[in-house]
C-alpha atoms as a PDB file:
ATOM      1  CA  UNK A   1     116.323 107.478 126.422  1.00  0.00           C
ATOM      2  CA  UNK A   2     115.396 107.010 130.081  1.00  0.00           C
ATOM      3  CA  UNK A   3     116.622 109.814 132.394  1.00  0.00           C
ATOM      4  CA  UNK A   4     117.714 108.583 135.799  1.00  0.00           C
ATOM      5  CA  UNK A   5     115.242 109.471 138.583  1.00  0.00           C
ATOM      6  CA  UNK A   6     112.861 111.228 136.200  1.00  0.00           C
ATOM      7  CA  UNK A   7     109.208 110.816 137.163  1.00  0.00           C
ATOM      8  CA  UNK A   8     107.791 112.245 133.925  1.00  0.00           C
ATOM      9  CA  UNK A   9     108.740 113.830 130.629  1.00  0.00           C
ATOM     10  CA  UNK A  10     107.323 116.991 129.050  1.00  0.00           C
ATOM     11  CA  UNK A  11     106.995 116.856 125.259  1.00  0.00           C
ATOM     12  CA  UNK A  12     107.074 120.191 123.407  1.00  0.00           C
ATOM     13  CA  UNK A  13     106.148 120.874 119.803  1.00  0.00           C
ATOM     14  CA  UNK A  14     107.404 124.141 118.330  1.00  0.00           C
ATOM     15  CA  UNK A  15     108.165 125.434 121.819  1.00  0.00           C
ATOM     16  CA  UNK A  16     104.786 124.603 123.379  1.00  0.00           C
ATOM     17  CA  UNK A  17     104.286 121.685 125.808  1.00  0.00           C
ATOM     18  CA  UNK A  18     101.731 119.306 124.271  1.00  0.00           C
ATOM     19  CA  UNK A  19     101.990 116.249 126.554  1.00  0.00           C
ATOM     20  CA  UNK A  20     103.271 114.950 129.880  1.00  0.00           C
ATOM     21  CA  UNK A  21     104.190 111.263 129.764  1.00  0.00           C
ATOM     22  CA  UNK A  22     105.812 108.725 132.067  1.00  0.00           C
ATOM     23  CA  UNK A  23     107.123 106.518 129.253  1.00  0.00           C
ATOM     24  CA  UNK A  24     109.878 107.366 126.768  1.00  0.00           C
ATOM     25  CA  UNK A  25     107.623 107.587 123.727  1.00  0.00           C
ATOM     26  CA  UNK A  26     104.733 109.727 122.538  1.00  0.00           C
ATOM     27  CA  UNK A  27     102.549 109.585 119.404  1.00  0.00           C
ATOM     28  CA  UNK A  28     101.494 112.956 117.975  1.00  0.00           C
ATOM     29  CA  UNK A  29      98.442 112.945 115.714  1.00  0.00           C
ATOM     30  CA  UNK A  30      96.112 115.287 113.865  1.00  0.00           C
ATOM     31  CA  UNK A  31      98.973 117.079 112.102  1.00  0.00           C
ATOM     32  CA  UNK A  32      98.770 119.019 108.862  1.00  0.00           C
ATOM     33  CA  UNK A  33     100.120 117.610 105.600  1.00  0.00           C
ATOM     34  CA  UNK A  34     103.501 118.781 104.264  1.00  0.00           C
ATOM     35  CA  UNK A  35     104.288 120.722 107.448  1.00  0.00           C
ATOM     36  CA  UNK A  36     107.512 120.784 109.481  1.00  0.00           C
ATOM     37  CA  UNK A  37     107.221 120.275 113.233  1.00  0.00           C
ATOM     38  CA  UNK A  38     110.031 120.466 115.801  1.00  0.00           C
ATOM     39  CA  UNK A  39     109.999 118.540 119.084  1.00  0.00           C
ATOM     40  CA  UNK A  40     111.975 118.700 122.317  1.00  0.00           C
ATOM     41  CA  UNK A  41     111.731 116.974 125.690  1.00  0.00           C
ATOM     42  CA  UNK A  42     112.459 117.866 129.315  1.00  0.00           C
ATOM     43  CA  UNK A  43     112.578 115.459 132.266  1.00  0.00           C
ATOM     44  CA  UNK A  44     111.248 116.311 135.725  1.00  0.00           C
ATOM     45  CA  UNK A  45     110.783 115.017 139.251  1.00  0.00           C
ATOM     46  CA  UNK A  46     109.967 116.553 142.637  1.00  0.00           C
ATOM     47  CA  UNK A  47     113.286 118.440 142.594  1.00  0.00           C
ATOM     48  CA  UNK A  48     112.613 120.297 139.347  1.00  0.00           C
ATOM     49  CA  UNK A  49     112.879 120.145 135.557  1.00  0.00           C
ATOM     50  CA  UNK A  50     115.899 119.459 133.385  1.00  0.00           C
ATOM     51  CA  UNK A  51     117.246 121.562 130.560  1.00  0.00           C
ATOM     52  CA  UNK A  52     115.505 120.977 127.262  1.00  0.00           C
ATOM     53  CA  UNK A  53     116.835 118.420 124.822  1.00  0.00           C
ATOM     54  CA  UNK A  54     117.961 119.497 121.375  1.00  0.00           C
ATOM     55  CA  UNK A  55     115.088 119.894 118.931  1.00  0.00           C
ATOM     56  CA  UNK A  56     114.290 117.111 116.466  1.00  0.00           C
ATOM     57  CA  UNK A  57     112.393 118.253 113.378  1.00  0.00           C
ATOM     58  CA  UNK A  58     110.475 116.340 110.716  1.00  0.00           C
ATOM     59  CA  UNK A  59     108.097 117.136 107.871  1.00  0.00           C
ATOM     60  CA  UNK A  60     104.796 115.316 107.427  1.00  0.00           C
ATOM     61  CA  UNK A  61     103.969 113.605 104.163  1.00  0.00           C
ATOM     62  CA  UNK A  62     101.705 115.141 101.494  1.00  0.00           C
ATOM     63  CA  UNK A  63      98.056 114.154 101.369  1.00  0.00           C
ATOM     64  CA  UNK A  64      97.837 110.480 100.436  1.00  0.00           C
ATOM     65  CA  UNK A  65      96.887 109.820  96.801  1.00  0.00           C
ATOM     66  CA  UNK A  66      97.934 106.195  96.239  1.00  0.00           C
ATOM     67  CA  UNK A  67      95.938 102.945  96.402  1.00  0.00           C
ATOM     68  CA  UNK A  68      93.690 102.344  99.435  1.00  0.00           C
ATOM     69  CA  UNK A  69      95.797 102.010 102.564  1.00  0.00           C
ATOM     70  CA  UNK A  70      94.845 100.396 105.887  1.00  0.00           C
ATOM     71  CA  UNK A  71      96.861 101.777 108.806  1.00  0.00           C
ATOM     72  CA  UNK A  72      96.974 100.407 112.354  1.00  0.00           C
ATOM     73  CA  UNK A  73      97.610 103.000 115.065  1.00  0.00           C
ATOM     74  CA  UNK A  74     100.283 102.897 117.768  1.00  0.00           C
ATOM     75  CA  UNK A  75     100.307 103.756 121.469  1.00  0.00           C
ATOM     76  CA  UNK A  76     102.457 103.790 124.623  1.00  0.00           C
ATOM     77  CA  UNK A  77     100.779 102.521 127.804  1.00  0.00           C
ATOM     78  CA  UNK A  78     101.408 101.183 131.285  1.00  0.00           C
ATOM     79  CA  UNK A  79     101.100  97.442 131.963  1.00  0.00           C
ATOM     80  CA  UNK A  80      97.544  96.423 132.825  1.00  0.00           C
ATOM     81  CA  UNK A  81      95.872  99.398 131.132  1.00  0.00           C
ATOM     82  CA  UNK A  82      93.056  99.319 128.618  1.00  0.00           C
ATOM     83  CA  UNK A  83      93.407 101.622 125.623  1.00  0.00           C
ATOM     84  CA  UNK A  84      92.134 102.310 122.102  1.00  0.00           C
ATOM     85  CA  UNK A  85      93.979 101.748 118.830  1.00  0.00           C
ATOM     86  CA  UNK A  86      92.565 103.233 115.639  1.00  0.00           C
ATOM     87  CA  UNK A  87      92.292 101.318 112.389  1.00  0.00           C
ATOM     88  CA  UNK A  88      92.323 103.907 109.604  1.00  0.00           C
ATOM     89  CA  UNK A  89      91.552 103.727 105.917  1.00  0.00           C
ATOM     90  CA  UNK A  90      92.874 106.118 103.275  1.00  0.00           C
ATOM     91  CA  UNK A  91      90.831 105.554 100.120  1.00  0.00           C
ATOM     92  CA  UNK A  92      91.326 108.649  97.971  1.00  0.00           C
ATOM     93  CA  UNK A  93      89.373 107.388  94.955  1.00  0.00           C
ATOM     94  CA  UNK A  94      87.650 104.070  95.797  1.00  0.00           C
ATOM     95  CA  UNK A  95      84.375 103.817  97.703  1.00  0.00           C
ATOM     96  CA  UNK A  96      84.499 100.705  99.910  1.00  0.00           C
ATOM     97  CA  UNK A  97      81.451  98.537 100.599  1.00  0.00           C
ATOM     98  CA  UNK A  98      83.002  95.811 102.753  1.00  0.00           C
ATOM     99  CA  UNK A  99      85.975  95.417 105.083  1.00  0.00           C
ATOM    100  CA  UNK A 100      87.513  92.386 106.787  1.00  0.00           C
ATOM    101  CA  UNK A 101      90.779  92.769 108.711  1.00  0.00           C
ATOM    102  CA  UNK A 102      92.728  90.386 110.944  1.00  0.00           C
ATOM    103  CA  UNK A 103      95.291  91.883 113.337  1.00  0.00           C
ATOM    104  CA  UNK A 104      97.758  89.820 115.381  1.00  0.00           C
ATOM    105  CA  UNK A 105      99.584  91.169 118.448  1.00  0.00           C
ATOM    106  CA  UNK A 106     103.138  89.797 118.658  1.00  0.00           C
ATOM    107  CA  UNK A 107     103.914  88.754 121.337  1.00  0.00           C
ATOM    108  CA  UNK A 108     100.398  87.957 122.548  1.00  0.00           C
ATOM    109  CA  UNK A 109     100.165  90.484 125.411  1.00  0.00           C
ATOM    110  CA  UNK A 110      96.809  92.044 124.498  1.00  0.00           C
ATOM    111  CA  UNK A 111      93.183  90.942 124.590  1.00  0.00           C
ATOM    112  CA  UNK A 112      90.284  92.673 122.860  1.00  0.00           C
ATOM    113  CA  UNK A 113      87.450  94.219 124.872  1.00  0.00           C
ATOM    114  CA  UNK A 114      85.509  95.811 122.017  1.00  0.00           C
ATOM    115  CA  UNK A 115      85.617  97.078 118.442  1.00  0.00           C
ATOM    116  CA  UNK A 116      83.650 100.295 117.851  1.00  0.00           C
ATOM    117  CA  UNK A 117      82.904 101.807 114.454  1.00  0.00           C
ATOM    118  CA  UNK A 118      83.322 105.477 113.582  1.00  0.00           C
ATOM    119  CA  UNK A 119      81.018 107.714 111.539  1.00  0.00           C
ATOM    120  CA  UNK A 120      82.861 106.567 108.392  1.00  0.00           C
ATOM    121  CA  UNK A 121      81.060 103.193 108.614  1.00  0.00           C
ATOM    122  CA  UNK A 122      77.668 104.532 109.721  1.00  0.00           C
ATOM    123  CA  UNK A 123      74.999 102.115 108.484  1.00  0.00           C
ATOM    124  CA  UNK A 124      77.424  99.159 108.380  1.00  0.00           C
ATOM    125  CA  UNK A 125      76.990  95.917 110.285  1.00  0.00           C
ATOM    126  CA  UNK A 126      80.101  95.435 112.470  1.00  0.00           C
ATOM    127  CA  UNK A 127      81.179  92.221 114.182  1.00  0.00           C
ATOM    128  CA  UNK A 128      84.441  90.933 115.628  1.00  0.00           C
ATOM    129  CA  UNK A 129      85.922  87.763 117.039  1.00  0.00           C
ATOM    130  CA  UNK A 130      89.144  87.022 118.908  1.00  0.00           C
ATOM    131  CA  UNK A 131      90.956  83.985 117.504  1.00  0.00           C
ATOM    132  CA  UNK A 132      92.799  81.172 119.300  1.00  0.00           C
ATOM    133  CA  UNK A 133      96.163  82.696 118.311  1.00  0.00           C
ATOM    134  CA  UNK A 134      95.237  85.982 120.026  1.00  0.00           C
ATOM    135  CA  UNK A 135      94.469  87.849 116.816  1.00  0.00           C
ATOM    136  CA  UNK A 136      91.239  89.758 116.274  1.00  0.00           C
ATOM    137  CA  UNK A 137      89.149  89.621 113.104  1.00  0.00           C
ATOM    138  CA  UNK A 138      86.533  92.262 112.425  1.00  0.00           C
ATOM    139  CA  UNK A 139      84.048  92.466 109.578  1.00  0.00           C
ATOM    140  CA  UNK A 140      82.072  95.513 108.449  1.00  0.00           C
ATOM    141  CA  UNK A 141      79.531  95.519 105.620  1.00  0.00           C
ATOM    142  CA  UNK A 142      76.258  97.203 104.688  1.00  0.00           C
ATOM    143  CA  UNK A 143      72.951  95.525 103.930  1.00  0.00           C
ATOM    144  CA  UNK A 144      71.484  98.753 102.571  1.00  0.00           C
ATOM    145  CA  UNK A 145      74.133  99.908 100.089  1.00  0.00           C
ATOM    146  CA  UNK A 146      76.077 102.215 102.381  1.00  0.00           C
ATOM    147  CA  UNK A 147      79.715 102.780 101.436  1.00  0.00           C
ATOM    148  CA  UNK A 148      82.856 104.214 102.973  1.00  0.00           C
ATOM    149  CA  UNK A 149      83.209 107.363 100.908  1.00  0.00           C
ATOM    150  CA  UNK A 150      86.626 108.311  99.530  1.00  0.00           C
ATOM    151  CA  UNK A 151      88.648 110.037 102.219  1.00  0.00           C
ATOM    152  CA  UNK A 152      90.922 109.368 105.167  1.00  0.00           C
ATOM    153  CA  UNK A 153      90.538 108.662 108.848  1.00  0.00           C
ATOM    154  CA  UNK A 154      89.679 105.919 111.351  1.00  0.00           C
ATOM    155  CA  UNK A 155      86.981 103.391 110.507  1.00  0.00           C
ATOM    156  CA  UNK A 156      87.062 101.556 113.871  1.00  0.00           C
ATOM    157  CA  UNK A 157      88.676 101.798 117.284  1.00  0.00           C
ATOM    158  CA  UNK A 158      89.838  98.571 118.920  1.00  0.00           C
ATOM    159  CA  UNK A 159      89.752  98.648 122.725  1.00  0.00           C
ATOM    160  CA  UNK A 160      92.608  96.470 123.937  1.00  0.00           C
ATOM    161  CA  UNK A 161      93.496  95.271 127.442  1.00  0.00           C
ATOM    162  CA  UNK A 162      97.154  94.773 128.361  1.00  0.00           C
ATOM    163  CA  UNK A 163      97.578  91.294 129.870  1.00  0.00           C
ATOM    164  CA  UNK A 164     101.215  91.472 130.978  1.00  0.00           C
ATOM    165  CA  UNK A 165     102.860  93.083 134.000  1.00  0.00           C
ATOM    166  CA  UNK A 166     106.162  93.352 132.159  1.00  0.00           C
ATOM    167  CA  UNK A 167     107.773  95.943 129.937  1.00  0.00           C
ATOM    168  CA  UNK A 168     107.304  94.889 126.324  1.00  0.00           C
ATOM    169  CA  UNK A 169     107.130  96.034 122.724  1.00  0.00           C
ATOM    170  CA  UNK A 170     104.119  94.577 120.900  1.00  0.00           C
ATOM    171  CA  UNK A 171     103.715  94.643 117.118  1.00  0.00           C
ATOM    172  CA  UNK A 172     100.185  94.933 115.719  1.00  0.00           C
ATOM    173  CA  UNK A 173     100.449  93.085 112.423  1.00  0.00           C
ATOM    174  CA  UNK A 174      97.846  92.979 109.656  1.00  0.00           C
ATOM    175  CA  UNK A 175      97.926  89.285 108.747  1.00  0.00           C
ATOM    176  CA  UNK A 176      94.909  89.373 106.418  1.00  0.00           C
ATOM    177  CA  UNK A 177      92.739  92.130 104.956  1.00  0.00           C
ATOM    178  CA  UNK A 178      89.968  92.368 102.372  1.00  0.00           C
ATOM    179  CA  UNK A 179      88.355  95.460 100.899  1.00  0.00           C
ATOM    180  CA  UNK A 180      85.461  95.046  98.474  1.00  0.00           C
ATOM    181  CA  UNK A 181      83.457  97.305  96.185  1.00  0.00           C
ATOM    182  CA  UNK A 182      79.685  97.444  95.717  1.00  0.00           C
ATOM    183  CA  UNK A 183      79.839  94.421  93.390  1.00  0.00           C
ATOM    184  CA  UNK A 184      81.636  92.333  95.990  1.00  0.00           C
ATOM    185  CA  UNK A 185      84.877  92.413  94.012  1.00  0.00           C
ATOM    186  CA  UNK A 186      88.159  92.817  95.923  1.00  0.00           C
ATOM    187  CA  UNK A 187      89.947  96.172  95.888  1.00  0.00           C
ATOM    188  CA  UNK A 188      93.739  96.043  95.722  1.00  0.00           C
ATOM    189  CA  UNK A 189      95.231  97.867  98.701  1.00  0.00           C
ATOM    190  CA  UNK A 190      98.200  98.157 101.041  1.00  0.00           C
ATOM    191  CA  UNK A 191      98.471  97.893 104.831  1.00  0.00           C
ATOM    192  CA  UNK A 192     100.779  99.331 107.503  1.00  0.00           C
ATOM    193  CA  UNK A 193     101.282  97.722 110.919  1.00  0.00           C
ATOM    194  CA  UNK A 194     101.174  99.457 114.287  1.00  0.00           C
ATOM    195  CA  UNK A 195     102.795  98.901 117.672  1.00  0.00           C
ATOM    196  CA  UNK A 196     102.295  99.277 121.419  1.00  0.00           C
ATOM    197  CA  UNK A 197     105.073 100.123 123.876  1.00  0.00           C
ATOM    198  CA  UNK A 198     104.200  98.738 127.326  1.00  0.00           C
ATOM    199  CA  UNK A 199     105.899 100.129 130.433  1.00  0.00           C
ATOM    200  CA  UNK A 200     106.060  97.727 133.380  1.00  0.00           C
ATOM    201  CA  UNK A 201     108.325  95.516 135.417  1.00  0.00           C
ATOM    202  CA  UNK A 202     111.588  94.294 133.960  1.00  0.00           C
ATOM    203  CA  UNK A 203     110.946  90.946 132.218  1.00  0.00           C
ATOM    204  CA  UNK A 204     112.558  87.894 133.869  1.00  0.00           C
ATOM    205  CA  UNK A 205     115.795  86.616 132.327  1.00  0.00           C
ATOM    206  CA  UNK A 206     115.329  83.956 129.679  1.00  0.00           C
END
């Protein structure tokens, strides 16, 4: 929750400060599988720092072993900022030869500056297009037989631009997705949406 007159918040993991943020959310990444982490927060301003909150602990999931899974990242930003959101693919047993994903921001408070591939799609042709409804569609495929090897991690980063001055919560929804194998046949898979918390002015009353 917001602390009155706080200018920033210090996020600690297992007793060590890992981030200073001005919003009331933080996304921690790069964690180990099946590991318990404990978090606490202090608030500060020019007069000093508060007492620490109570710790909140959680255990990460085991290494993913199910069907291919597309995951959209999340972030917390200030209104007007540009930022990157990762699109990750966990494909523990299926090599993937082609990807097409459409992501819709709801409400439409984001525009797309660029979509950049990671090393996981080295050798792939990558293109993207922003649609009339504000969604972005990107397509990645190889003309030379390259594949996304079984594994986990980001396949692209989408650089978004916040287009609102107001505080808002934006859902990043996968509205359509296709994975294909080397024969062009579809691969059954799942998808998880992401979100963006935007800090800004209070929205006008409806």
